[in-house]
Amino acid sequence: MIKRLLSFMGEYKRYAVLSPLCVMAETVCELILPLLMAAMINDGIQGGDLNALWTAGAAMLALSVLSLATGTLSAKYATYAAQGLGANLRKAEFDQINEFSFADIDRFSSASLITRLTNDLTNIQNIVIMGLRILVRCVTMMVVSILMALYLNWRLALIVLVTLPILALFVFGLQRICHPLFQSMQKKIDDLNENVQENLVAIRVVKAFVRQDFERKKFKTANDNFTEAGLKAVLRIVLMQPIMMMGITIATALVMWNGGRMVMDGSLLVGDLSAFNNYIFQILFSVQMLAMALLQYSRAHACAGRIFEVLDTVPDIRNGGETARQLPAKRGLVEFRDVSFKYQATGTGDDVLTHINFTAQPGQTLAIVGGTGVGKSTLVNLIPRFYDATGGDVLVDGLSVKEYPLEELRNRIGMVLQNNVLFSGTIRENLLWGREEATEAEMIQAAKDAQAYDFIMSFPNGFDTRLDQGGVNVSGGQKQRLCIARAMLRQPSILILDDSTSAVDSATEAAIRESFHENLKDTTVILIAQRISSVRSADQILVLDDGTVAAMGTHSELMKSSPIYQEIYWSQQEGVSE
């Protein structure tokens, strides 16, 4: 996994090499200092050699300056490497998510994907910095300190060498215990983020229904679960500190006891004992820091696994062809041939759509009506391949949608989804999402066709009026008209409107329909609506019931032949004079 992570370093690889080199230089400089200190004590102080004292002091000063310089550079290079890796990994993950179908996103959940893009990546960046600096420093310090200790007195060094394997076994055992706990902890963060995201998106509904207390309880449950998972992991890490300190204390006491006896019998100089103690402390401190780094690595390993789970997911929907292949001309012909669909293609769930057959001719308006939950939105989502049919075939201009390059297929389609989405930015920027190269005149015409021009110009800044995230500073009807204008500006051969005029009044809706007839004569319009007044002028009306086509025809034909359509019609006429 480490090798795979490093492959995302890209142009930042040189920093990943320079940082450890600087760390090793910094560490070696620091570890020479105890030897110089020993020389000052043995030769300068005890031997009375002032020249040796000054020489050792000057060398210590020079090494300290060099250590400071290399330490600063190592921190700089490690930060570049970690941030670069994070940026490349984040881009790869974001690009992969954008290739996901709706089914793929449903499987992961948007909250979990956000966590993987943010919290999980931050943990990986932290361990990269820790690995390039602390891990390299600990290993270098431990190896060099052991060599120095053996050089000064191999008998005393054996005490430490016996202690190290015992501490190492404890650390690796603790790491194996903590790894699944960290995995559980990250999943609890997913749940917590999902709760927060859902609450913020629906905050108006929460306040309208005075459900703040209920939402607080939901948040408390998710928060408590995360806290509990965190405590399980952290409390085990806390055990490491006293055990490591106990090992360090025992080893230091044994060294001091035996070293003191050697000084007393003249087999060891005071300065050498001082330097030896310094190296022993560095060795044991390195073990402690190494243990902390390994435990953090355990968490980062869990996070990396979650990120690679996203990167390794084969998108449910793949490109069906190459852009160079000969594709049919854009006409707007839509055909459903014996189409069935269920959300869990490999599961045992019932079909949401069953044996759907119909044809929408170029330039026609096809309306789809039916009760709530009968599969109307699901049906139109199959045309741009947001989902793939699990049976039968959907064709656009005579070619199966599965054989189109996705970009080419979706460029033929303008779509206004049931949940209208506007992005933070100006009205102009949102409309040009439909077609960036559109002229000012085309943008104004689309706004007029969608009956949005008048309210846009009522704002002081007109088309340059800034929209907040989600378009919360415009009304529901205004938001719908802006989304329709954006889709019309695309000049698609197929325009899909999924209940996209529900928030506008009947007169405005009629004006929008009239603009379709005048300015989108060659565009096939597929319209989902709840109001019969919205669909009665359609060329064909498809009545869905329980995922099947119950009837199809014009308004007058269905009023004679379809009980379901008649029921919908008369239910909307109650209290309305003819």
Protein backbone atom coordinates (compact mmCIF):
# COMPACT_ATOMS: atom_id res chain seq x y z
CA MET A 1 0.00 0.00 0.00
CA ILE A 2 2.90 2.38 0.75
CA LYS A 3 4.33 1.80 -2.73
CA ARG A 4 0.97 2.58 -4.28
CA LEU A 5 0.60 5.76 -2.23
CA LEU A 6 4.04 6.93 -3.28
CA SER A 7 3.06 6.46 -6.92
CA PHE A 8 0.79 9.49 -6.47
CA MET A 9 3.74 11.73 -5.55
CA GLY A 10 4.16 12.65 -9.21
CA GLU A 11 6.14 15.87 -9.60
CA TYR A 12 6.72 16.05 -5.83
CA LYS A 13 8.95 12.96 -5.68
CA ARG A 14 12.12 15.00 -5.36
CA TYR A 15 10.82 16.53 -2.14
CA ALA A 16 10.10 13.05 -0.81
CA VAL A 17 13.79 12.24 -1.41
CA LEU A 18 15.29 15.53 -0.20
CA SER A 19 13.37 15.60 3.08
CA PRO A 20 14.74 12.28 4.46
CA LEU A 21 18.27 13.24 3.39
CA CYS A 22 17.99 16.51 5.31
CA VAL A 23 16.53 14.68 8.32
CA MET A 24 19.42 12.21 8.34
CA ALA A 25 21.94 15.05 8.12
CA GLU A 26 20.16 16.88 10.96
CA THR A 27 20.09 13.75 13.13
CA VAL A 28 23.75 12.89 12.56
CA CYS A 29 24.74 16.46 13.51
CA GLU A 30 22.79 16.15 16.74
CA LEU A 31 24.28 12.76 17.57
CA ILE A 32 27.87 14.00 17.17
CA LEU A 33 27.22 16.63 19.86
CA PRO A 34 27.40 14.16 22.82
CA LEU A 35 30.85 13.00 21.64
CA LEU A 36 32.04 16.60 21.51
CA MET A 37 30.54 17.18 24.95
CA ALA A 38 32.42 14.14 26.25
CA ALA A 39 35.66 15.57 24.80
CA MET A 40 34.99 18.88 26.54
CA ILE A 41 34.51 17.10 29.86
CA ASN A 42 37.36 14.60 29.52
CA ASP A 43 40.00 16.76 27.83
CA GLY A 44 38.88 20.32 28.48
CA ILE A 45 37.50 20.27 32.02
CA GLN A 46 39.17 17.26 33.64
CA GLY A 47 42.37 17.49 31.54
CA GLY A 48 42.61 21.28 31.86
CA ASP A 49 43.13 21.79 28.11
CA LEU A 50 41.53 25.15 27.28
CA ASN A 51 42.29 24.78 23.57
CA ALA A 52 40.40 21.48 23.44
CA LEU A 53 37.48 23.18 25.23
CA TRP A 54 37.30 25.98 22.64
CA THR A 55 37.71 23.61 19.69
CA ALA A 56 34.93 21.30 20.86
CA GLY A 57 32.68 24.29 21.62
CA ALA A 58 33.19 25.80 18.16
CA ALA A 59 32.47 22.45 16.51
CA MET A 60 29.28 22.09 18.59
CA LEU A 61 28.14 25.56 17.49
CA ALA A 62 28.79 24.80 13.82
CA LEU A 63 26.95 21.48 14.02
CA SER A 64 24.00 23.17 15.77
CA VAL A 65 23.71 25.73 12.96
CA LEU A 66 23.93 22.99 10.32
CA SER A 67 21.34 20.94 12.23
CA LEU A 68 18.98 23.93 12.33
CA ALA A 69 19.35 24.55 8.57
CA THR A 70 18.82 20.93 7.55
CA GLY A 71 15.92 20.59 10.00
CA THR A 72 14.17 23.62 8.48
CA LEU A 73 14.68 22.31 4.96
CA SER A 74 13.43 18.83 5.90
CA ALA A 75 10.21 20.33 7.31
CA LYS A 76 9.73 22.39 4.14
CA TYR A 77 10.34 19.48 1.77
CA ALA A 78 8.16 17.08 3.79
CA THR A 79 5.29 19.57 3.70
CA TYR A 80 5.63 19.95 -0.09
CA ALA A 81 5.67 16.18 -0.52
CA ALA A 82 2.66 15.56 1.75
CA GLN A 83 0.57 18.35 0.26
CA GLY A 84 1.50 17.29 -3.27
CA LEU A 85 0.58 13.68 -2.59
CA GLY A 86 -2.71 14.83 -1.05
CA ALA A 87 -3.50 17.04 -4.04
CA ASN A 88 -2.79 14.27 -6.58
CA LEU A 89 -4.66 11.63 -4.58
CA ARG A 90 -7.60 13.98 -4.03
CA LYS A 91 -7.75 14.75 -7.76
CA ALA A 92 -7.64 11.06 -8.66
CA GLU A 93 -10.41 10.28 -6.18
CA PHE A 94 -12.57 13.22 -7.31
CA ASP A 95 -12.11 12.25 -10.97
CA GLN A 96 -13.12 8.69 -10.12
CA ILE A 97 -16.23 9.84 -8.25
CA ASN A 98 -17.25 11.91 -11.27
CA GLU A 99 -17.15 8.71 -13.33
CA PHE A 100 -19.52 6.97 -10.91
CA SER A 101 -23.09 6.23 -11.88
CA PHE A 102 -25.94 7.12 -9.56
CA ALA A 103 -25.86 3.49 -8.38
CA ASP A 104 -22.17 3.76 -7.43
CA ILE A 105 -22.79 6.95 -5.44
CA ASP A 106 -25.80 5.34 -3.75
CA ARG A 107 -23.59 2.42 -2.71
CA PHE A 108 -20.94 4.57 -1.02
CA SER A 109 -23.22 7.46 0.09
CA SER A 110 -22.23 11.08 -0.50
CA ALA A 111 -21.30 11.61 3.19
CA SER A 112 -18.81 8.74 3.10
CA LEU A 113 -17.27 10.02 -0.14
CA ILE A 114 -16.82 13.46 1.42
CA THR A 115 -15.12 11.89 4.46
CA ARG A 116 -12.77 9.95 2.19
CA LEU A 117 -11.91 13.12 0.27
CA THR A 118 -11.25 15.16 3.42
CA ASN A 119 -10.65 13.42 6.74
CA ASP A 120 -9.11 10.24 5.32
CA LEU A 121 -6.79 12.20 3.05
CA THR A 122 -5.73 14.50 5.88
CA ASN A 123 -4.71 11.48 7.94
CA ILE A 124 -2.63 10.20 5.03
CA GLN A 125 -0.95 13.58 4.59
CA ASN A 126 -0.13 13.62 8.31
CA ILE A 127 1.48 10.18 8.20
CA VAL A 128 3.51 11.19 5.11
CA ILE A 129 4.96 14.15 7.02
CA MET A 130 5.49 11.90 10.02
CA GLY A 131 7.09 9.22 7.88
CA LEU A 132 9.44 11.56 6.02
CA ARG A 133 10.55 13.34 9.18
CA ILE A 134 9.81 11.53 12.44
CA LEU A 135 10.11 7.97 11.14
CA VAL A 136 13.36 8.67 9.28
CA ARG A 137 14.67 10.62 12.25
CA CYS A 138 13.82 7.83 14.71
CA VAL A 139 15.40 5.09 12.59
CA THR A 140 18.53 7.17 11.90
CA MET A 141 18.82 8.21 15.53
CA MET A 142 18.34 4.67 16.78
CA VAL A 143 20.89 3.09 14.41
CA VAL A 144 23.55 5.78 14.90
CA SER A 145 22.99 5.91 18.66
CA ILE A 146 23.37 2.14 18.98
CA LEU A 147 26.62 2.29 17.00
CA MET A 148 27.87 5.15 19.19
CA ALA A 149 26.86 3.31 22.35
CA LEU A 150 28.66 0.16 21.19
CA TYR A 151 31.70 2.28 20.36
CA LEU A 152 31.75 3.85 23.85
CA ASN A 153 31.04 0.67 25.86
CA TRP A 154 29.64 -2.50 24.35
CA ARG A 155 28.87 -4.06 27.73
CA LEU A 156 26.51 -1.25 28.72
CA ALA A 157 25.02 -1.24 25.22
CA LEU A 158 23.87 -4.86 25.66
CA ILE A 159 21.44 -3.71 28.37
CA VAL A 160 19.62 -1.55 25.82
CA LEU A 161 19.80 -4.15 23.06
CA VAL A 162 17.97 -6.63 25.30
CA THR A 163 15.25 -4.06 26.11
CA LEU A 164 14.50 -3.06 22.49
CA PRO A 165 12.99 -6.38 21.23
CA ILE A 166 10.65 -6.53 24.22
CA LEU A 167 9.35 -3.01 23.54
CA ALA A 168 9.09 -3.73 19.80
CA LEU A 169 6.93 -6.81 20.37
CA PHE A 170 4.60 -4.78 22.54
CA VAL A 171 4.29 -2.02 19.92
CA PHE A 172 3.54 -4.38 17.02
CA GLY A 173 0.99 -6.26 19.12
CA LEU A 174 -0.74 -2.99 19.98
CA GLN A 175 -0.76 -1.96 16.32
CA ARG A 176 -2.56 -5.15 15.30
CA ILE A 177 -5.19 -4.50 17.95
CA CYS A 178 -5.72 -0.85 16.96
CA HIS A 179 -6.02 -1.31 13.18
CA PRO A 180 -9.63 -2.64 13.16
CA LEU A 181 -10.54 -0.03 15.78
CA PHE A 182 -9.34 2.73 13.49
CA GLN A 183 -11.37 1.26 10.62
CA SER A 184 -14.47 1.33 12.80
CA MET A 185 -13.63 4.88 13.86
CA GLN A 186 -13.55 6.13 10.25
CA LYS A 187 -16.93 4.51 9.54
CA LYS A 188 -18.37 6.32 12.54
CA ILE A 189 -17.06 9.58 11.05
CA ASP A 190 -19.03 8.70 7.89
CA ASP A 191 -22.20 8.31 9.97
CA LEU A 192 -21.56 11.57 11.81
CA ASN A 193 -20.94 13.51 8.58
CA GLU A 194 -24.05 12.01 7.01
CA ASN A 195 -26.12 13.17 9.97
CA VAL A 196 -24.70 16.71 9.82
CA GLN A 197 -25.05 16.94 6.04
CA GLU A 198 -28.65 15.75 6.09
CA ASN A 199 -29.54 18.18 8.87
CA LEU A 200 -27.97 21.19 7.14
CA VAL A 201 -29.56 20.42 3.77
CA ALA A 202 -32.99 20.02 5.38
CA ILE A 203 -32.62 22.75 8.02
CA ARG A 204 -35.71 24.62 6.78
CA VAL A 205 -37.85 21.50 7.07
CA VAL A 206 -36.42 20.79 10.52
CA LYS A 207 -37.35 24.26 11.73
CA ALA A 208 -40.74 24.24 10.01
CA PHE A 209 -41.71 21.03 11.81
CA VAL A 210 -40.00 22.06 15.07
CA ARG A 211 -37.91 18.88 15.05
CA GLN A 212 -34.71 20.37 16.45
CA ASP A 213 -34.86 18.17 19.55
CA PHE A 214 -35.31 15.05 17.45
CA GLU A 215 -32.35 16.01 15.24
CA ARG A 216 -30.25 16.77 18.31
CA LYS A 217 -30.93 13.26 19.61
CA LYS A 218 -29.94 11.76 16.23
CA PHE A 219 -26.76 13.81 16.23
CA LYS A 220 -26.02 12.84 19.83
CA THR A 221 -26.32 9.16 18.95
CA ALA A 222 -23.95 9.51 15.98
CA ASN A 223 -21.59 11.70 18.01
CA ASP A 224 -21.58 9.29 20.95
CA ASN A 225 -20.89 6.34 18.67
CA PHE A 226 -17.93 8.17 17.15
CA THR A 227 -16.67 9.18 20.59
CA GLU A 228 -16.95 5.60 21.83
CA ALA A 229 -15.08 4.25 18.79
CA GLY A 230 -12.39 6.90 19.28
CA LEU A 231 -12.02 6.08 22.96
CA LYS A 232 -11.61 2.38 22.25
CA ALA A 233 -8.67 3.16 20.00
CA VAL A 234 -7.14 5.98 22.03
CA LEU A 235 -7.34 4.20 25.39
CA ARG A 236 -5.28 1.36 24.01
CA ILE A 237 -2.71 3.83 22.72
CA VAL A 238 -2.62 5.46 26.15
CA LEU A 239 -1.44 2.13 27.57
CA MET A 240 1.73 2.48 25.54
CA GLN A 241 3.02 5.57 27.34
CA PRO A 242 3.44 4.12 30.86
CA ILE A 243 4.77 0.80 29.58
CA MET A 244 7.32 2.53 27.34
CA MET A 245 8.35 4.84 30.17
CA MET A 246 8.73 1.88 32.50
CA GLY A 247 11.03 0.18 29.99
CA ILE A 248 13.06 3.38 29.52
CA THR A 249 13.35 3.93 33.27
CA ILE A 250 14.48 0.37 33.99
CA ALA A 251 17.04 0.44 31.15
CA THR A 252 18.36 3.84 32.27
CA ALA A 253 18.63 2.72 35.90
CA LEU A 254 20.58 -0.39 34.93
CA VAL A 255 22.93 1.67 32.74
CA MET A 256 23.52 4.21 35.52
CA TRP A 257 24.12 1.47 38.09
CA ASN A 258 26.62 -0.43 35.99
CA GLY A 259 28.13 2.71 34.44
CA GLY A 260 28.62 4.28 37.86
CA ARG A 261 30.51 1.20 39.05
CA MET A 262 32.73 1.36 35.92
CA VAL A 263 33.53 5.04 36.59
CA MET A 264 34.37 4.22 40.21
CA ASP A 265 36.74 1.41 39.23
CA GLY A 266 38.32 3.59 36.51
CA SER A 267 37.29 1.54 33.47
CA LEU A 268 34.99 4.33 32.15
CA LEU A 269 35.49 8.09 32.00
CA VAL A 270 32.84 10.49 33.36
CA GLY A 271 32.49 12.22 30.00
CA ASP A 272 31.99 8.89 28.23
CA LEU A 273 29.28 7.90 30.73
CA SER A 274 27.55 11.24 30.14
CA ALA A 275 27.67 10.72 26.37
CA PHE A 276 26.55 7.10 26.77
CA ASN A 277 23.53 8.16 28.83
CA ASN A 278 22.66 10.69 26.16
CA TYR A 279 22.73 8.00 23.47
CA ILE A 280 20.69 5.62 25.61
CA PHE A 281 18.06 8.29 26.05
CA GLN A 282 18.05 8.94 22.28
CA ILE A 283 17.64 5.22 21.54
CA LEU A 284 14.73 4.74 23.95
CA PHE A 285 13.11 8.03 22.96
CA SER A 286 13.35 6.96 19.31
CA VAL A 287 11.60 3.70 20.14
CA GLN A 288 8.80 5.63 21.83
CA MET A 289 8.39 8.02 18.88
CA LEU A 290 8.60 5.12 16.44
CA ALA A 291 5.79 3.40 18.33
CA MET A 292 3.61 6.51 18.07
CA ALA A 293 4.37 6.80 14.35
CA LEU A 294 3.46 3.14 13.75
CA LEU A 295 0.15 3.56 15.53
CA GLN A 296 -0.63 6.63 13.45
CA TYR A 297 0.36 4.60 10.41
CA SER A 298 -2.23 2.02 11.45
CA ARG A 299 -4.95 4.66 11.23
CA ALA A 300 -3.59 6.03 7.96
CA HIS A 301 -3.52 2.47 6.58
CA ALA A 302 -7.23 2.15 7.34
CA CYS A 303 -7.86 5.52 5.65
CA ALA A 304 -5.79 4.54 2.60
CA GLY A 305 -7.79 1.34 2.29
CA ARG A 306 -11.01 3.37 2.16
CA ILE A 307 -9.59 5.69 -0.50
CA PHE A 308 -8.32 2.82 -2.65
CA GLU A 309 -11.73 1.19 -2.30
CA VAL A 310 -13.09 4.19 -4.22
CA LEU A 311 -10.23 4.22 -6.75
CA ASP A 312 -10.52 0.46 -7.35
CA THR A 313 -14.27 0.52 -7.90
CA VAL A 314 -15.12 -0.19 -11.50
CA PRO A 315 -17.86 2.33 -12.38
CA ASP A 316 -21.20 0.66 -12.87
CA ILE A 317 -21.58 2.52 -16.16
CA ARG A 318 -18.67 2.68 -18.61
CA ASN A 319 -18.18 4.44 -21.91
CA GLY A 320 -19.84 2.49 -24.68
CA GLY A 321 -17.65 3.61 -27.56
CA GLU A 322 -14.96 5.92 -28.89
CA THR A 323 -15.65 9.48 -30.01
CA ALA A 324 -14.05 8.69 -33.39
CA ARG A 325 -16.72 6.10 -34.26
CA GLN A 326 -19.53 7.00 -36.64
CA LEU A 327 -22.54 8.05 -34.58
CA PRO A 328 -26.07 8.69 -35.84
CA ALA A 329 -27.13 12.26 -36.56
CA LYS A 330 -28.86 14.16 -33.79
CA ARG A 331 -32.59 13.78 -34.36
CA GLY A 332 -34.08 13.19 -30.92
CA LEU A 333 -35.59 9.75 -31.52
CA VAL A 334 -36.04 7.88 -28.20
CA GLU A 335 -37.06 4.22 -28.03
CA PHE A 336 -37.65 1.87 -25.12
CA ARG A 337 -37.63 -1.76 -26.15
CA ASP A 338 -38.91 -4.16 -23.51
CA VAL A 339 -37.01 -2.25 -20.78
CA SER A 340 -36.94 -3.48 -17.19
CA PHE A 341 -34.99 -2.07 -14.27
CA LYS A 342 -34.27 -2.70 -10.61
CA TYR A 343 -31.91 -0.75 -8.38
CA GLN A 344 -29.99 -3.78 -7.14
CA ALA A 345 -29.10 -5.49 -10.38
CA THR A 346 -27.46 -8.45 -8.63
CA GLY A 347 -29.98 -8.69 -5.84
CA THR A 348 -33.37 -10.29 -5.49
CA GLY A 349 -35.44 -7.08 -5.36
CA ASP A 350 -38.51 -6.51 -7.52
CA ASP A 351 -38.28 -4.61 -10.79
CA VAL A 352 -39.07 -0.91 -10.52
CA LEU A 353 -39.87 -0.87 -14.25
CA THR A 354 -41.19 -3.88 -16.15
CA HIS A 355 -41.31 -4.43 -19.94
CA ILE A 356 -41.54 -0.77 -20.96
CA ASN A 357 -42.12 -0.18 -24.68
CA PHE A 358 -42.66 3.17 -26.39
CA THR A 359 -41.19 5.48 -29.05
CA ALA A 360 -40.88 9.26 -28.90
CA GLN A 361 -40.47 10.62 -32.42
CA PRO A 362 -38.15 13.58 -33.14
CA GLY A 363 -39.82 16.89 -32.30
CA GLN A 364 -42.65 15.25 -30.37
CA THR A 365 -43.67 16.06 -26.82
CA LEU A 366 -44.06 12.91 -24.73
CA ALA A 367 -45.64 13.35 -21.30
CA ILE A 368 -45.40 10.80 -18.50
CA VAL A 369 -47.99 10.72 -15.72
CA GLY A 370 -48.77 8.37 -12.88
CA GLY A 371 -48.97 8.14 -9.14
CA THR A 372 -46.12 8.73 -6.74
CA GLY A 373 -43.44 6.05 -6.79
CA VAL A 374 -44.49 4.32 -10.02
CA GLY A 375 -41.04 4.86 -11.64
CA LYS A 376 -41.44 8.05 -13.72
CA SER A 377 -38.11 9.62 -12.69
CA THR A 378 -36.39 6.25 -12.88
CA LEU A 379 -37.57 5.84 -16.45
CA VAL A 380 -36.10 9.14 -17.71
CA ASN A 381 -32.85 8.54 -15.78
CA LEU A 382 -32.22 5.56 -18.08
CA ILE A 383 -31.99 7.80 -21.17
CA PRO A 384 -28.74 9.64 -20.23
CA ARG A 385 -27.51 6.44 -18.51
CA PHE A 386 -27.57 7.71 -14.95
CA TYR A 387 -28.62 4.10 -14.42
CA ASP A 388 -28.47 1.20 -16.89
CA ALA A 389 -31.50 -0.87 -17.75
CA THR A 390 -31.27 -4.38 -16.32
CA GLY A 391 -33.37 -5.76 -19.14
CA GLY A 392 -34.22 -4.66 -22.65
CA ASP A 393 -32.63 -1.68 -24.40
CA VAL A 394 -32.91 2.10 -24.51
CA LEU A 395 -32.06 3.67 -27.88
CA VAL A 396 -31.35 7.26 -28.90
CA ASP A 397 -31.46 7.99 -32.63
CA GLY A 398 -31.51 4.28 -33.35
CA LEU A 399 -28.39 3.40 -31.37
CA SER A 400 -28.35 1.78 -27.92
CA VAL A 401 -27.33 4.27 -25.24
CA LYS A 402 -24.81 1.68 -24.03
CA GLU A 403 -22.90 2.08 -27.30
CA TYR A 404 -22.49 5.86 -27.05
CA PRO A 405 -19.51 7.61 -25.48
CA LEU A 406 -21.10 9.02 -22.32
CA GLU A 407 -20.08 12.59 -23.11
CA GLU A 408 -21.59 12.43 -26.59
CA LEU A 409 -24.81 10.87 -25.30
CA ARG A 410 -25.32 13.45 -22.58
CA ASN A 411 -24.42 16.32 -24.92
CA ARG A 412 -27.53 15.39 -26.90
CA ILE A 413 -29.73 15.68 -23.81
CA GLY A 414 -30.85 18.65 -21.77
CA MET A 415 -32.24 17.69 -18.39
CA VAL A 416 -34.00 19.49 -15.57
CA LEU A 417 -34.00 17.15 -12.60
CA GLN A 418 -36.70 16.84 -9.98
CA ASN A 419 -34.40 18.46 -7.42
CA ASN A 420 -33.35 21.72 -9.04
CA VAL A 421 -29.67 22.45 -8.49
CA LEU A 422 -27.98 25.84 -8.83
CA PHE A 423 -24.35 26.48 -8.00
CA SER A 424 -22.76 29.30 -6.08
CA GLY A 425 -21.85 32.01 -8.59
CA THR A 426 -23.72 34.46 -10.80
CA ILE A 427 -26.91 33.78 -12.75
CA ARG A 428 -24.85 34.18 -15.92
CA GLU A 429 -22.37 31.49 -14.80
CA ASN A 430 -25.21 29.12 -13.93
CA LEU A 431 -26.94 29.58 -17.29
CA LEU A 432 -23.69 29.14 -19.23
CA TRP A 433 -23.31 25.77 -17.54
CA GLY A 434 -25.70 24.67 -20.30
CA ARG A 435 -23.34 25.84 -23.06
CA GLU A 436 -20.22 27.86 -22.29
CA GLU A 437 -19.81 29.21 -25.81
CA ALA A 438 -23.38 30.59 -25.98
CA THR A 439 -23.69 34.23 -27.00
CA GLU A 440 -25.28 36.95 -24.89
CA ALA A 441 -28.28 37.02 -27.24
CA GLU A 442 -28.77 33.24 -26.94
CA MET A 443 -28.58 33.42 -23.16
CA ILE A 444 -31.16 36.23 -23.05
CA GLN A 445 -33.46 34.32 -25.40
CA ALA A 446 -33.23 31.16 -23.24
CA ALA A 447 -34.08 33.22 -20.16
CA LYS A 448 -37.09 34.72 -21.98
CA ASP A 449 -38.26 31.29 -23.19
CA ALA A 450 -38.09 29.96 -19.63
CA GLN A 451 -40.01 33.03 -18.38
CA ALA A 452 -37.00 33.98 -16.24
CA TYR A 453 -35.86 37.17 -17.98
CA ASP A 454 -38.20 39.58 -16.18
CA PHE A 455 -37.31 38.52 -12.66
CA ILE A 456 -33.59 38.36 -13.55
CA MET A 457 -33.67 41.97 -14.76
CA SER A 458 -35.55 43.01 -11.62
CA PHE A 459 -32.35 42.34 -9.67
CA PRO A 460 -29.94 45.31 -9.49
CA ASN A 461 -27.14 43.32 -11.13
CA GLY A 462 -29.29 41.43 -13.63
CA PHE A 463 -27.49 38.39 -15.02
CA ASP A 464 -24.51 39.17 -12.78
CA THR A 465 -26.60 38.71 -9.63
CA ARG A 466 -24.79 36.37 -7.29
CA LEU A 467 -26.54 33.17 -6.22
CA ASP A 468 -25.76 31.55 -2.90
CA GLN A 469 -25.00 27.83 -2.74
CA GLY A 470 -28.02 25.87 -3.90
CA GLY A 471 -29.76 29.08 -5.03
CA VAL A 472 -31.24 29.69 -1.59
CA ASN A 473 -31.63 33.43 -2.30
CA VAL A 474 -34.21 32.87 -5.06
CA SER A 475 -37.66 31.33 -4.81
CA GLY A 476 -38.53 27.77 -5.80
CA GLY A 477 -40.30 28.92 -8.96
CA GLN A 478 -37.41 31.18 -9.94
CA LYS A 479 -34.97 28.35 -9.36
CA GLN A 480 -37.00 26.04 -11.63
CA ARG A 481 -37.13 28.63 -14.42
CA LEU A 482 -33.37 29.22 -14.23
CA CYS A 483 -32.78 25.46 -14.51
CA ILE A 484 -35.12 25.28 -17.52
CA ALA A 485 -33.30 28.20 -19.16
CA ARG A 486 -29.96 26.46 -18.57
CA ALA A 487 -31.25 23.28 -20.24
CA MET A 488 -32.78 25.19 -23.18
CA LEU A 489 -29.54 27.12 -23.75
CA ARG A 490 -27.89 23.75 -24.33
CA GLN A 491 -29.99 23.42 -27.52
CA PRO A 492 -30.40 19.67 -27.02
CA SER A 493 -32.05 17.24 -29.38
CA ILE A 494 -33.81 15.71 -26.35
CA LEU A 495 -35.12 17.81 -23.44
CA ILE A 496 -36.20 15.99 -20.27
CA LEU A 497 -38.25 17.90 -17.70
CA ASP A 498 -38.77 15.94 -14.50
CA ASP A 499 -41.66 17.68 -12.75
CA SER A 500 -39.75 20.92 -13.34
CA THR A 501 -42.70 23.36 -13.37
CA SER A 502 -44.36 22.28 -10.14
CA ALA A 503 -43.45 25.55 -8.40
CA VAL A 504 -44.66 27.93 -11.12
CA ASP A 505 -48.20 29.12 -11.71
CA SER A 506 -50.36 27.80 -14.55
CA ALA A 507 -50.03 30.95 -16.69
CA THR A 508 -46.23 30.91 -16.49
CA GLU A 509 -46.18 27.17 -17.22
CA ALA A 510 -48.37 27.71 -20.27
CA ALA A 511 -45.99 30.43 -21.52
CA ILE A 512 -43.03 28.05 -21.09
CA ARG A 513 -44.84 25.32 -23.04
CA GLU A 514 -45.60 27.81 -25.80
CA SER A 515 -41.88 28.70 -26.03
CA PHE A 516 -41.12 25.02 -26.50
CA HIS A 517 -43.45 24.88 -29.51
CA GLU A 518 -41.96 28.03 -31.01
CA ASN A 519 -38.24 27.65 -30.32
CA LEU A 520 -37.73 23.90 -29.79
CA LYS A 521 -39.69 22.59 -32.76
CA ASP A 522 -37.06 19.97 -33.60
CA THR A 523 -36.40 18.99 -29.99
CA THR A 524 -38.02 15.92 -28.48
CA VAL A 525 -39.50 16.97 -25.14
CA ILE A 526 -40.09 14.31 -22.48
CA LEU A 527 -42.15 15.80 -19.70
CA ILE A 528 -43.01 14.40 -16.29
CA ALA A 529 -45.81 16.31 -14.57
CA GLN A 530 -48.42 15.88 -11.89
CA ARG A 531 -50.95 18.33 -13.37
CA ILE A 532 -53.10 17.22 -16.30
CA SER A 533 -53.09 20.83 -17.52
CA SER A 534 -49.34 20.46 -18.02
CA VAL A 535 -49.61 17.42 -20.31
CA ARG A 536 -52.92 17.60 -22.13
CA SER A 537 -51.39 19.27 -25.20
CA ALA A 538 -48.61 16.63 -25.49
CA ASP A 539 -48.38 14.55 -28.68
CA GLN A 540 -48.36 11.39 -26.57
CA ILE A 541 -49.11 10.76 -22.94
CA LEU A 542 -47.70 7.66 -21.26
CA VAL A 543 -49.52 6.47 -18.14
CA LEU A 544 -47.34 4.52 -15.72
CA ASP A 545 -48.79 2.30 -13.04
CA ASP A 546 -46.72 0.08 -10.75
CA GLY A 547 -43.71 0.21 -13.09
CA THR A 548 -45.61 -0.77 -16.24
CA VAL A 549 -47.19 1.13 -19.13
CA ALA A 550 -50.88 1.13 -18.28
CA ALA A 551 -51.94 3.21 -21.27
CA MET A 552 -50.61 5.51 -23.98
CA GLY A 553 -52.23 8.03 -26.26
CA THR A 554 -53.39 11.63 -26.57
CA HIS A 555 -55.42 13.39 -23.90
CA SER A 556 -58.71 12.80 -25.68
CA GLU A 557 -57.89 9.13 -26.35
CA LEU A 558 -56.92 8.47 -22.74
CA MET A 559 -60.03 10.20 -21.45
CA LYS A 560 -62.00 7.56 -23.34
CA SER A 561 -59.86 4.47 -22.70
CA SER A 562 -57.78 4.80 -19.50
CA PRO A 563 -59.47 4.57 -16.08
CA ILE A 564 -56.22 5.58 -14.36
CA TYR A 565 -55.86 8.72 -16.46
CA GLN A 566 -59.54 9.54 -15.97
CA GLU A 567 -59.12 9.19 -12.21
CA ILE A 568 -56.13 11.55 -12.20
CA TYR A 569 -58.02 14.04 -14.36
CA TRP A 570 -61.23 14.09 -12.34
CA SER A 571 -59.36 14.24 -9.02
CA GLN A 572 -57.82 17.50 -10.24
CA GLN A 573 -61.12 18.86 -11.51
CA GLU A 574 -62.93 18.63 -8.19
CA GLY A 575 -64.09 22.06 -7.28
CA VAL A 576 -62.86 23.49 -10.62
CA SER A 577 -65.46 24.70 -13.08
CA GLU A 578 -65.09 23.51 -16.69
